[in-house]
C-alpha atoms as a PDB file:
ATOM      1  CA  MET A   1       3.232 -45.130  -1.895  1.00  0.00           C
ATOM      2  CA  LYS A   2       1.413 -42.356  -0.013  1.00  0.00           C
ATOM      3  CA  LEU A   3       2.788 -38.871   0.617  1.00  0.00           C
ATOM      4  CA  ASN A   4       2.227 -37.408   4.067  1.00  0.00           C
ATOM      5  CA  LEU A   5       1.783 -33.699   3.357  1.00  0.00           C
ATOM      6  CA  HIS A   6       2.334 -32.670   6.975  1.00  0.00           C
ATOM      7  CA  LEU A   7       5.736 -34.346   7.071  1.00  0.00           C
ATOM      8  CA  THR A   8       6.483 -33.116   3.549  1.00  0.00           C
ATOM      9  CA  ARG A   9       5.824 -29.528   4.650  1.00  0.00           C
ATOM     10  CA  ILE A  10       8.348 -29.933   7.453  1.00  0.00           C
ATOM     11  CA  PHE A  11      10.942 -31.386   5.072  1.00  0.00           C
ATOM     12  CA  PHE A  12      10.243 -28.594   2.577  1.00  0.00           C
ATOM     13  CA  THR A  13      10.715 -25.936   5.264  1.00  0.00           C
ATOM     14  CA  VAL A  14      14.004 -27.493   6.404  1.00  0.00           C
ATOM     15  CA  VAL A  15      15.387 -27.372   2.856  1.00  0.00           C
ATOM     16  CA  ARG A  16      14.042 -23.890   2.157  1.00  0.00           C
ATOM     17  CA  GLU A  17      15.536 -22.526   5.363  1.00  0.00           C
ATOM     18  CA  ASN A  18      18.677 -24.652   4.922  1.00  0.00           C
ATOM     19  CA  SER A  19      18.531 -25.414   8.636  1.00  0.00           C
ATOM     20  CA  PHE A  20      16.676 -27.708  11.037  1.00  0.00           C
ATOM     21  CA  SER A  21      16.767 -25.064  13.761  1.00  0.00           C
ATOM     22  CA  LYS A  22      15.466 -22.275  11.515  1.00  0.00           C
ATOM     23  CA  ALA A  23      12.714 -24.546  10.230  1.00  0.00           C
ATOM     24  CA  ALA A  24      11.718 -25.297  13.810  1.00  0.00           C
ATOM     25  CA  LYS A  25      11.334 -21.569  14.512  1.00  0.00           C
ATOM     26  CA  VAL A  26       9.270 -21.030  11.373  1.00  0.00           C
ATOM     27  CA  LEU A  27       7.006 -23.974  12.212  1.00  0.00           C
ATOM     28  CA  PHE A  28       6.839 -23.160  15.947  1.00  0.00           C
ATOM     29  CA  VAL A  29       7.997 -26.633  17.009  1.00  0.00           C
ATOM     30  CA  SER A  30      11.129 -27.996  18.618  1.00  0.00           C
ATOM     31  CA  GLN A  31      14.209 -28.902  16.593  1.00  0.00           C
ATOM     32  CA  PRO A  32      14.065 -32.562  17.713  1.00  0.00           C
ATOM     33  CA  ALA A  33      10.476 -32.706  16.450  1.00  0.00           C
ATOM     34  CA  VAL A  34      11.622 -31.429  13.053  1.00  0.00           C
ATOM     35  CA  SER A  35      14.444 -33.970  12.858  1.00  0.00           C
ATOM     36  CA  LYS A  36      12.070 -36.754  13.859  1.00  0.00           C
ATOM     37  CA  ALA A  37       9.541 -35.703  11.207  1.00  0.00           C
ATOM     38  CA  VAL A  38      12.139 -35.811   8.438  1.00  0.00           C
ATOM     39  CA  ARG A  39      13.333 -39.249   9.525  1.00  0.00           C
ATOM     40  CA  GLU A  40       9.740 -40.468   9.687  1.00  0.00           C
ATOM     41  CA  LEU A  41       9.051 -39.164   6.167  1.00  0.00           C
ATOM     42  CA  GLU A  42      12.129 -40.979   4.869  1.00  0.00           C
ATOM     43  CA  SER A  43      10.955 -44.149   6.630  1.00  0.00           C
ATOM     44  CA  GLN A  44       7.459 -43.917   5.134  1.00  0.00           C
ATOM     45  CA  LEU A  45       8.825 -43.345   1.632  1.00  0.00           C
ATOM     46  CA  GLY A  46      11.617 -45.876   1.959  1.00  0.00           C
ATOM     47  CA  LEU A  47      14.021 -43.271   0.553  1.00  0.00           C
ATOM     48  CA  ASP A  48      16.876 -41.178   1.873  1.00  0.00           C
ATOM     49  CA  LEU A  49      16.127 -37.494   1.293  1.00  0.00           C
ATOM     50  CA  LEU A  50      19.198 -35.936   2.917  1.00  0.00           C
ATOM     51  CA  GLU A  51      22.810 -37.035   2.723  1.00  0.00           C
ATOM     52  CA  ARG A  52      23.974 -37.763   6.220  1.00  0.00           C
ATOM     53  CA  THR A  53      27.138 -35.673   6.691  1.00  0.00           C
ATOM     54  CA  THR A  54      28.261 -33.869   9.838  1.00  0.00           C
ATOM     55  CA  GLY A  55      25.173 -32.085  11.083  1.00  0.00           C
ATOM     56  CA  GLY A  56      23.382 -32.997   7.869  1.00  0.00           C
ATOM     57  CA  GLN A  57      25.325 -30.296   6.018  1.00  0.00           C
ATOM     58  CA  SER A  58      28.196 -30.029   3.574  1.00  0.00           C
ATOM     59  CA  LYS A  59      31.449 -28.226   4.310  1.00  0.00           C
ATOM     60  CA  THR A  60      29.868 -25.119   2.784  1.00  0.00           C
ATOM     61  CA  GLY A  61      27.193 -25.208   5.464  1.00  0.00           C
ATOM     62  CA  ARG A  62      24.385 -26.149   3.074  1.00  0.00           C
ATOM     63  CA  LEU A  63      22.113 -29.161   3.417  1.00  0.00           C
ATOM     64  CA  ARG A  64      22.882 -31.825   0.849  1.00  0.00           C
ATOM     65  CA  LEU A  65      19.908 -33.466  -0.817  1.00  0.00           C
ATOM     66  CA  THR A  66      19.859 -36.864  -2.423  1.00  0.00           C
ATOM     67  CA  ASP A  67      18.358 -37.182  -5.895  1.00  0.00           C
ATOM     68  CA  SER A  68      15.097 -38.255  -4.254  1.00  0.00           C
ATOM     69  CA  GLY A  69      15.264 -35.269  -1.910  1.00  0.00           C
ATOM     70  CA  ARG A  70      15.737 -32.845  -4.781  1.00  0.00           C
ATOM     71  CA  ALA A  71      12.803 -34.368  -6.678  1.00  0.00           C
ATOM     72  CA  LEU A  72      10.513 -34.204  -3.647  1.00  0.00           C
ATOM     73  CA  TYR A  73      11.523 -30.628  -2.821  1.00  0.00           C
ATOM     74  CA  ALA A  74      10.770 -29.468  -6.372  1.00  0.00           C
ATOM     75  CA  ARG A  75       7.298 -31.023  -6.297  1.00  0.00           C
ATOM     76  CA  ALA A  76       6.613 -29.816  -2.768  1.00  0.00           C
ATOM     77  CA  ASP A  77       7.463 -26.295  -3.896  1.00  0.00           C
ATOM     78  CA  GLU A  78       4.757 -26.557  -6.563  1.00  0.00           C
ATOM     79  CA  ILE A  79       2.239 -28.145  -4.171  1.00  0.00           C
ATOM     80  CA  PHE A  80       2.541 -25.486  -1.480  1.00  0.00           C
ATOM     81  CA  ALA A  81       2.597 -22.648  -4.002  1.00  0.00           C
ATOM     82  CA  LEU A  82      -0.715 -23.924  -5.395  1.00  0.00           C
ATOM     83  CA  GLU A  83      -2.036 -24.264  -1.864  1.00  0.00           C
ATOM     84  CA  GLN A  84      -1.286 -20.581  -1.229  1.00  0.00           C
ATOM     85  CA  LEU A  85      -2.945 -19.635  -4.505  1.00  0.00           C
ATOM     86  CA  ALA A  86      -6.071 -21.571  -3.517  1.00  0.00           C
ATOM     87  CA  ILE A  87      -6.175 -19.787  -0.158  1.00  0.00           C
ATOM     88  CA  ASN A  88      -5.808 -16.418  -1.871  1.00  0.00           C
ATOM     89  CA  ASP A  89      -8.592 -17.233  -4.337  1.00  0.00           C
ATOM     90  CA  LEU A  90     -10.945 -18.409  -1.591  1.00  0.00           C
ATOM     91  CA  GLU A  91     -10.303 -15.304   0.488  1.00  0.00           C
ATOM     92  CA  GLU A  92     -10.952 -13.237  -2.618  1.00  0.00           C
ATOM     93  CA  HIS A  93     -14.350 -14.817  -3.166  1.00  0.00           C
ATOM     94  CA  LEU A  94     -15.316 -14.834   0.503  1.00  0.00           C
ATOM     95  CA  SER A  95     -14.660 -11.117   0.812  1.00  0.00           C
ATOM     96  CA  ALA A  96     -14.796  -9.516  -2.605  1.00  0.00           C
ATOM     97  CA  SER A  97     -15.073  -6.055  -1.068  1.00  0.00           C
ATOM     98  CA  GLN A  98     -11.760  -6.617   0.688  1.00  0.00           C
ATOM     99  CA  GLY A  99      -9.765  -7.976  -2.232  1.00  0.00           C
ATOM    100  CA  ARG A 100      -5.982  -8.092  -2.323  1.00  0.00           C
ATOM    101  CA  LEU A 101      -3.625  -7.387  -5.189  1.00  0.00           C
ATOM    102  CA  THR A 102       0.125  -7.944  -5.069  1.00  0.00           C
ATOM    103  CA  ILE A 103       1.976  -6.446  -8.011  1.00  0.00           C
ATOM    104  CA  GLY A 104       5.580  -7.207  -8.854  1.00  0.00           C
ATOM    105  CA  ALA A 105       7.612  -4.491 -10.537  1.00  0.00           C
ATOM    106  CA  SER A 106      11.195  -4.207 -11.628  1.00  0.00           C
ATOM    107  CA  THR A 107      13.052  -1.231 -10.207  1.00  0.00           C
ATOM    108  CA  THR A 108      12.564   1.354 -12.963  1.00  0.00           C
ATOM    109  CA  VAL A 109       8.906   0.436 -13.435  1.00  0.00           C
ATOM    110  CA  ALA A 110       8.255   0.779  -9.697  1.00  0.00           C
ATOM    111  CA  SER A 111      10.020   4.143  -9.511  1.00  0.00           C
ATOM    112  CA  TYR A 112       8.574   5.836 -12.589  1.00  0.00           C
ATOM    113  CA  TRP A 113       5.720   4.042 -14.333  1.00  0.00           C
ATOM    114  CA  LEU A 114       3.783   2.319 -11.575  1.00  0.00           C
ATOM    115  CA  PRO A 115       2.958   5.191  -9.134  1.00  0.00           C
ATOM    116  CA  PRO A 116       0.636   7.132 -11.501  1.00  0.00           C
ATOM    117  CA  LEU A 117      -0.978   3.871 -12.635  1.00  0.00           C
ATOM    118  CA  LEU A 118      -1.703   2.846  -9.058  1.00  0.00           C
ATOM    119  CA  ALA A 119      -3.092   6.285  -8.274  1.00  0.00           C
ATOM    120  CA  ARG A 120      -5.485   5.950 -11.205  1.00  0.00           C
ATOM    121  CA  TYR A 121      -6.435   2.402 -10.199  1.00  0.00           C
ATOM    122  CA  ARG A 122      -7.202   3.458  -6.635  1.00  0.00           C
ATOM    123  CA  GLU A 123      -9.979   5.705  -7.911  1.00  0.00           C
ATOM    124  CA  GLY A 124     -12.948   3.418  -7.515  1.00  0.00           C
ATOM    125  CA  HIS A 125     -10.875   0.598  -5.981  1.00  0.00           C
ATOM    126  CA  GLU A 126     -10.277   1.977  -2.482  1.00  0.00           C
ATOM    127  CA  GLU A 127     -11.378  -1.345  -0.995  1.00  0.00           C
ATOM    128  CA  VAL A 128      -8.561  -3.288  -2.615  1.00  0.00           C
ATOM    129  CA  ALA A 129      -5.514  -3.873  -0.412  1.00  0.00           C
ATOM    130  CA  LEU A 130      -2.545  -3.130  -2.648  1.00  0.00           C
ATOM    131  CA  ARG A 131       1.001  -4.386  -2.187  1.00  0.00           C
ATOM    132  CA  VAL A 132       3.981  -3.773  -4.466  1.00  0.00           C
ATOM    133  CA  VAL A 133       7.017  -6.059  -4.535  1.00  0.00           C
ATOM    134  CA  VAL A 134      10.092  -4.433  -6.084  1.00  0.00           C
ATOM    135  CA  GLY A 135      13.147  -6.256  -7.401  1.00  0.00           C
ATOM    136  CA  ASN A 136      15.171  -6.882 -10.507  1.00  0.00           C
ATOM    137  CA  THR A 137      13.649  -8.867 -13.364  1.00  0.00           C
ATOM    138  CA  GLU A 138      15.128 -12.167 -12.209  1.00  0.00           C
ATOM    139  CA  SER A 139      13.746 -11.928  -8.668  1.00  0.00           C
ATOM    140  CA  ILE A 140      10.318 -10.745  -9.862  1.00  0.00           C
ATOM    141  CA  CYS A 141      10.005 -13.701 -12.240  1.00  0.00           C
ATOM    142  CA  HIS A 142      10.918 -16.031  -9.386  1.00  0.00           C
ATOM    143  CA  ASP A 143       8.286 -14.498  -7.095  1.00  0.00           C
ATOM    144  CA  LEU A 144       5.643 -14.774  -9.825  1.00  0.00           C
ATOM    145  CA  LYS A 145       6.300 -18.487 -10.306  1.00  0.00           C
ATOM    146  CA  GLU A 146       6.228 -18.977  -6.530  1.00  0.00           C
ATOM    147  CA  TYR A 147       2.762 -17.323  -6.387  1.00  0.00           C
ATOM    148  CA  ARG A 148       4.074 -14.565  -4.124  1.00  0.00           C
ATOM    149  CA  ILE A 149       2.716 -11.956  -6.534  1.00  0.00           C
ATOM    150  CA  ASP A 150      -0.369 -11.899  -8.772  1.00  0.00           C
ATOM    151  CA  LEU A 151       1.157 -10.296 -11.858  1.00  0.00           C
ATOM    152  CA  ALA A 152       4.145  -8.159 -12.729  1.00  0.00           C
ATOM    153  CA  ILE A 153       5.436  -5.395 -14.956  1.00  0.00           C
ATOM    154  CA  ILE A 154       9.107  -5.529 -15.903  1.00  0.00           C
ATOM    155  CA  GLU A 155      11.469  -3.778 -18.271  1.00  0.00           C
ATOM    156  CA  GLY A 156      13.498  -6.868 -19.017  1.00  0.00           C
ATOM    157  CA  THR A 157      12.868 -10.114 -20.860  1.00  0.00           C
ATOM    158  CA  THR A 158      12.190 -13.665 -19.775  1.00  0.00           C
ATOM    159  CA  GLU A 159      12.263 -16.937 -21.660  1.00  0.00           C
ATOM    160  CA  ASP A 160      10.728 -18.916 -18.809  1.00  0.00           C
ATOM    161  CA  PRO A 161       8.111 -21.330 -20.240  1.00  0.00           C
ATOM    162  CA  LEU A 162       5.993 -20.957 -17.096  1.00  0.00           C
ATOM    163  CA  ILE A 163       5.562 -17.201 -17.596  1.00  0.00           C
ATOM    164  CA  LEU A 164       3.444 -15.423 -20.191  1.00  0.00           C
ATOM    165  CA  ALA A 165       4.901 -12.050 -21.243  1.00  0.00           C
ATOM    166  CA  LYS A 166       2.890  -9.408 -23.108  1.00  0.00           C
ATOM    167  CA  ASP A 167       4.392  -6.195 -24.494  1.00  0.00           C
ATOM    168  CA  VAL A 168       2.569  -3.162 -23.078  1.00  0.00           C
ATOM    169  CA  LEU A 169       4.867  -0.217 -23.760  1.00  0.00           C
ATOM    170  CA  THR A 170       7.808   0.795 -25.909  1.00  0.00           C
ATOM    171  CA  GLU A 171      10.346   2.747 -23.879  1.00  0.00           C
ATOM    172  CA  LYS A 172      13.193   4.856 -25.215  1.00  0.00           C
ATOM    173  CA  LEU A 173      16.720   4.336 -23.935  1.00  0.00           C
ATOM    174  CA  ASN A 174      19.332   7.096 -23.963  1.00  0.00           C
ATOM    175  CA  LEU A 175      23.071   6.833 -24.360  1.00  0.00           C
ATOM    176  CA  ILE A 176      24.339   9.319 -21.771  1.00  0.00           C
ATOM    177  CA  ALA A 177      27.755  10.704 -20.909  1.00  0.00           C
ATOM    178  CA  PRO A 178      29.271  13.412 -18.696  1.00  0.00           C
ATOM    179  CA  VAL A 179      28.834  16.876 -20.209  1.00  0.00           C
ATOM    180  CA  SER A 180      32.596  17.049 -20.777  1.00  0.00           C
ATOM    181  CA  PHE A 181      32.608  13.891 -22.933  1.00  0.00           C
ATOM    182  CA  GLN A 182      33.194  14.659 -26.602  1.00  0.00           C
ATOM    183  CA  LEU A 183      32.208  11.891 -29.003  1.00  0.00           C
ATOM    184  CA  SER A 184      34.066  12.059 -32.300  1.00  0.00           C
ATOM    185  CA  SER A 185      32.061  12.742 -35.456  1.00  0.00           C
ATOM    186  CA  ASN A 186      34.159  10.080 -37.183  1.00  0.00           C
ATOM    187  CA  GLN A 187      32.391   6.732 -36.847  1.00  0.00           C
ATOM    188  CA  HIS A 188      35.560   4.652 -36.450  1.00  0.00           C
ATOM    189  CA  ASP A 189      37.003   6.972 -33.809  1.00  0.00           C
ATOM    190  CA  ALA A 190      33.633   7.209 -32.025  1.00  0.00           C
ATOM    191  CA  MET A 191      33.346   3.431 -31.831  1.00  0.00           C
ATOM    192  CA  THR A 192      36.842   3.257 -30.377  1.00  0.00           C
ATOM    193  CA  GLN A 193      35.830   5.817 -27.741  1.00  0.00           C
ATOM    194  CA  LEU A 194      32.667   3.902 -26.844  1.00  0.00           C
ATOM    195  CA  ASN A 195      34.511   0.603 -26.551  1.00  0.00           C
ATOM    196  CA  SER A 196      37.301   2.003 -24.400  1.00  0.00           C
ATOM    197  CA  ALA A 197      35.104   4.137 -22.118  1.00  0.00           C
ATOM    198  CA  VAL A 198      34.078   3.064 -18.626  1.00  0.00           C
ATOM    199  CA  TRP A 199      30.485   1.814 -18.801  1.00  0.00           C
ATOM    200  CA  LEU A 200      28.197   1.982 -15.789  1.00  0.00           C
ATOM    201  CA  VAL A 201      25.729  -0.918 -15.821  1.00  0.00           C
ATOM    202  CA  ARG A 202      23.049  -2.481 -13.635  1.00  0.00           C
ATOM    203  CA  GLU A 203      23.667  -5.703 -11.729  1.00  0.00           C
ATOM    204  CA  ARG A 204      23.171  -9.077 -13.371  1.00  0.00           C
ATOM    205  CA  GLY A 205      19.544 -10.136 -13.209  1.00  0.00           C
ATOM    206  CA  SER A 206      18.392  -6.607 -14.033  1.00  0.00           C
ATOM    207  CA  GLY A 207      16.251  -6.140 -17.138  1.00  0.00           C
ATOM    208  CA  THR A 208      18.093  -2.928 -17.954  1.00  0.00           C
ATOM    209  CA  ARG A 209      21.403  -4.823 -17.855  1.00  0.00           C
ATOM    210  CA  THR A 210      20.116  -7.573 -20.159  1.00  0.00           C
ATOM    211  CA  VAL A 211      18.634  -5.182 -22.706  1.00  0.00           C
ATOM    212  CA  THR A 212      21.700  -2.918 -22.638  1.00  0.00           C
ATOM    213  CA  GLU A 213      24.066  -5.811 -23.284  1.00  0.00           C
ATOM    214  CA  SER A 214      21.905  -7.036 -26.158  1.00  0.00           C
ATOM    215  CA  LEU A 215      21.685  -3.621 -27.816  1.00  0.00           C
ATOM    216  CA  LEU A 216      25.399  -2.944 -27.431  1.00  0.00           C
ATOM    217  CA  ARG A 217      26.306  -6.348 -28.811  1.00  0.00           C
ATOM    218  CA  THR A 218      23.971  -5.845 -31.777  1.00  0.00           C
ATOM    219  CA  ASN A 219      25.736  -2.577 -32.585  1.00  0.00           C
ATOM    220  CA  ASP A 220      29.264  -3.975 -32.153  1.00  0.00           C
ATOM    221  CA  ILE A 221      29.955  -2.088 -28.938  1.00  0.00           C
ATOM    222  CA  VAL A 222      31.941  -4.193 -26.476  1.00  0.00           C
ATOM    223  CA  PRO A 223      32.823  -2.220 -23.318  1.00  0.00           C
ATOM    224  CA  SER A 224      36.280  -3.059 -22.033  1.00  0.00           C
ATOM    225  CA  LYS A 225      35.599  -1.629 -18.557  1.00  0.00           C
ATOM    226  CA  ILE A 226      32.392  -1.766 -16.532  1.00  0.00           C
ATOM    227  CA  ILE A 227      31.228  -0.747 -13.058  1.00  0.00           C
ATOM    228  CA  GLU A 228      28.075  -2.353 -11.654  1.00  0.00           C
ATOM    229  CA  PHE A 229      25.376  -0.404  -9.786  1.00  0.00           C
ATOM    230  CA  GLY A 230      22.258  -1.589  -7.990  1.00  0.00           C
ATOM    231  CA  SER A 231      20.022   1.205  -9.295  1.00  0.00           C
ATOM    232  CA  SER A 232      19.506   3.206 -12.464  1.00  0.00           C
ATOM    233  CA  GLU A 233      19.288   6.422 -10.461  1.00  0.00           C
ATOM    234  CA  GLY A 234      22.714   5.741  -8.975  1.00  0.00           C
ATOM    235  CA  ILE A 235      24.141   5.242 -12.456  1.00  0.00           C
ATOM    236  CA  ALA A 236      22.627   8.482 -13.744  1.00  0.00           C
ATOM    237  CA  ARG A 237      24.107  10.443 -10.836  1.00  0.00           C
ATOM    238  CA  ALA A 238      27.486   8.770 -11.296  1.00  0.00           C
ATOM    239  CA  VAL A 239      27.506   9.731 -14.980  1.00  0.00           C
ATOM    240  CA  SER A 240      26.741  13.325 -14.014  1.00  0.00           C
ATOM    241  CA  HIS A 241      29.866  13.263 -11.840  1.00  0.00           C
ATOM    242  CA  GLY A 242      32.038  12.031 -14.688  1.00  0.00           C
ATOM    243  CA  LEU A 243      32.472   8.404 -13.650  1.00  0.00           C
ATOM    244  CA  GLY A 244      31.606   6.940 -17.064  1.00  0.00           C
ATOM    245  CA  ILE A 245      28.908   6.519 -19.695  1.00  0.00           C
ATOM    246  CA  SER A 246      25.742   4.418 -19.718  1.00  0.00           C
ATOM    247  CA  MET A 247      22.513   3.469 -21.446  1.00  0.00           C
ATOM    248  CA  LEU A 248      19.423   4.203 -19.369  1.00  0.00           C
ATOM    249  CA  PRO A 249      15.662   4.733 -19.830  1.00  0.00           C
ATOM    250  CA  ASN A 250      14.647   8.223 -20.852  1.00  0.00           C
ATOM    251  CA  VAL A 251      12.427   8.544 -17.770  1.00  0.00           C
ATOM    252  CA  VAL A 252      15.553   8.185 -15.619  1.00  0.00           C
ATOM    253  CA  THR A 253      17.815  10.577 -17.538  1.00  0.00           C
ATOM    254  CA  LYS A 254      15.366  13.217 -18.745  1.00  0.00           C
ATOM    255  CA  GLU A 255      15.576  15.554 -15.748  1.00  0.00           C
ATOM    256  CA  LEU A 256      19.378  15.446 -15.491  1.00  0.00           C
ATOM    257  CA  ALA A 257      19.673  16.070 -19.224  1.00  0.00           C
ATOM    258  CA  GLU A 258      17.335  19.076 -19.030  1.00  0.00           C
ATOM    259  CA  LEU A 259      19.401  20.455 -16.138  1.00  0.00           C
ATOM    260  CA  GLY A 260      22.583  20.068 -18.173  1.00  0.00           C
ATOM    261  CA  ARG A 261      24.049  17.523 -15.759  1.00  0.00           C
ATOM    262  CA  VAL A 262      24.448  14.758 -18.362  1.00  0.00           C
ATOM    263  CA  LYS A 263      24.736  14.701 -22.128  1.00  0.00           C
ATOM    264  CA  VAL A 264      22.461  12.572 -24.298  1.00  0.00           C
ATOM    265  CA  MET A 265      24.412  11.231 -27.258  1.00  0.00           C
ATOM    266  CA  ALA A 266      22.623  10.274 -30.473  1.00  0.00           C
ATOM    267  CA  PRO A 267      25.283   9.568 -33.110  1.00  0.00           C
ATOM    268  CA  ALA A 268      23.861   9.181 -36.609  1.00  0.00           C
ATOM    269  CA  PHE A 269      25.542   5.805 -37.118  1.00  0.00           C
ATOM    270  CA  LEU A 270      23.609   4.243 -34.211  1.00  0.00           C
ATOM    271  CA  PRO A 271      19.850   3.531 -34.193  1.00  0.00           C
ATOM    272  CA  GLU A 272      17.420   4.876 -31.621  1.00  0.00           C
ATOM    273  CA  PHE A 273      17.560   2.471 -28.683  1.00  0.00           C
ATOM    274  CA  GLN A 274      14.264   1.067 -27.405  1.00  0.00           C
ATOM    275  CA  ARG A 275      12.943  -1.712 -25.235  1.00  0.00           C
ATOM    276  CA  LYS A 276       9.566  -3.165 -24.324  1.00  0.00           C
ATOM    277  CA  LEU A 277       7.930  -3.078 -20.923  1.00  0.00           C
ATOM    278  CA  LYS A 278       6.122  -6.344 -20.328  1.00  0.00           C
ATOM    279  CA  LEU A 279       3.149  -7.565 -18.347  1.00  0.00           C
ATOM    280  CA  LEU A 280       3.880 -10.957 -16.813  1.00  0.00           C
ATOM    281  CA  THR A 281       1.352 -13.562 -15.731  1.00  0.00           C
ATOM    282  CA  ARG A 282       1.631 -17.270 -15.049  1.00  0.00           C
ATOM    283  CA  VAL A 283       0.913 -19.704 -17.861  1.00  0.00           C
ATOM    284  CA  ASN A 284      -2.276 -21.735 -17.321  1.00  0.00           C
ATOM    285  CA  SER A 285      -3.165 -19.784 -14.172  1.00  0.00           C
ATOM    286  CA  THR A 286      -6.352 -17.752 -13.819  1.00  0.00           C
ATOM    287  CA  LEU A 287      -5.996 -14.236 -12.462  1.00  0.00           C
ATOM    288  CA  SER A 288      -8.085 -13.263  -9.460  1.00  0.00           C
ATOM    289  CA  PRO A 289     -10.911 -10.800 -10.171  1.00  0.00           C
ATOM    290  CA  VAL A 290      -8.969  -7.803  -8.840  1.00  0.00           C
ATOM    291  CA  ALA A 291      -5.826  -8.800 -10.741  1.00  0.00           C
ATOM    292  CA  GLU A 292      -7.811  -9.228 -13.953  1.00  0.00           C
ATOM    293  CA  ASP A 293      -9.404  -5.832 -13.395  1.00  0.00           C
ATOM    294  CA  PHE A 294      -6.004  -4.219 -12.884  1.00  0.00           C
ATOM    295  CA  ALA A 295      -4.627  -5.829 -16.022  1.00  0.00           C
ATOM    296  CA  CYS A 296      -7.594  -4.708 -18.123  1.00  0.00           C
ATOM    297  CA  GLN A 297      -8.088  -1.198 -16.767  1.00  0.00           C
ATOM    298  CA  ILE A 298      -4.528  -0.092 -16.050  1.00  0.00           C
ATOM    299  CA  ILE A 299      -2.192  -1.997 -18.326  1.00  0.00           C
ATOM    300  CA  SER A 300      -4.351  -1.139 -21.328  1.00  0.00           C
ATOM    301  CA  ALA A 301      -3.734   2.543 -20.535  1.00  0.00           C
ATOM    302  CA  LEU A 302       0.079   2.234 -20.621  1.00  0.00           C
ATOM    303  CA  PRO A 303       0.487   2.913 -24.372  1.00  0.00           C
ATOM    304  CA  GLU A 304      -1.062   6.358 -23.810  1.00  0.00           C
ATOM    305  CA  LYS A 305       2.132   7.232 -21.923  1.00  0.00           C
ATOM    306  CA  GLN A 306       4.546   6.380 -24.718  1.00  0.00           C
ATOM    307  CA  SER A 307       4.793  10.040 -25.624  1.00  0.00           C
ATOM    308  CA  ALA A 308       6.383  10.579 -22.206  1.00  0.00           C
ATOM    309  CA  SER A 309       9.359   8.460 -23.292  1.00  0.00           C
END
């Protein structure tokens, strides 16, 4: 059996876009040509790749793959991701003075830690074209595996076997509340207050959300009411307006605490909350020269900033 990569790319694009018409636009060909290519690929392989329902889609509007289709799509994803990596590497070596570096960063890292690091890196690296991709931990890990970014810095955790995570910084987390919130000095009563309070948390997929849930669970705090936010800054502002309590990085809450807009609570019966910022790279994948340089020169300087936590 031989695999026609041209036809496979068309099939891959159809599945990725979940539409024959959208795939046609991406590939700059007609929709009939896309449909014909998929049928031809199935004919060459002697396998059905798509379940033939009305319009090739399920009632939910999504394309339905056969088992063979799912297997081929997964491998095609890897093939074309490696193809893009090869192109990037070749461009890097053909024009070393015009290197490119795409850095992934989770939201808090991008807002607070990354800007000064990039400013330092730019000194002596003006020729490098920098790009920063911002998202929650889950989306950044996905982009790294898809070779859309070269490396990443996140505040969450990942157990993905395809990603290598290295601790680069210990960051302090603060338990914050509205200034009017009075936490009892009695441990039992204080725990009751913490469990019954409204907790403001990040969305699922966020590293801050994952770490917060783990730390709370470890300390027997189980919030009965939560409100989700898409940003740590939004949570901090909401706390300042009395909406609830939260656990957030010190870099996010420090200014509001100094202004007296929020209260940092540090009850003696709870430990100091901390988390690790992590540098992510792909397992068994060599970094480009500019990415390696960034990792060595910038990430190694991160521990110097721990005092800022």
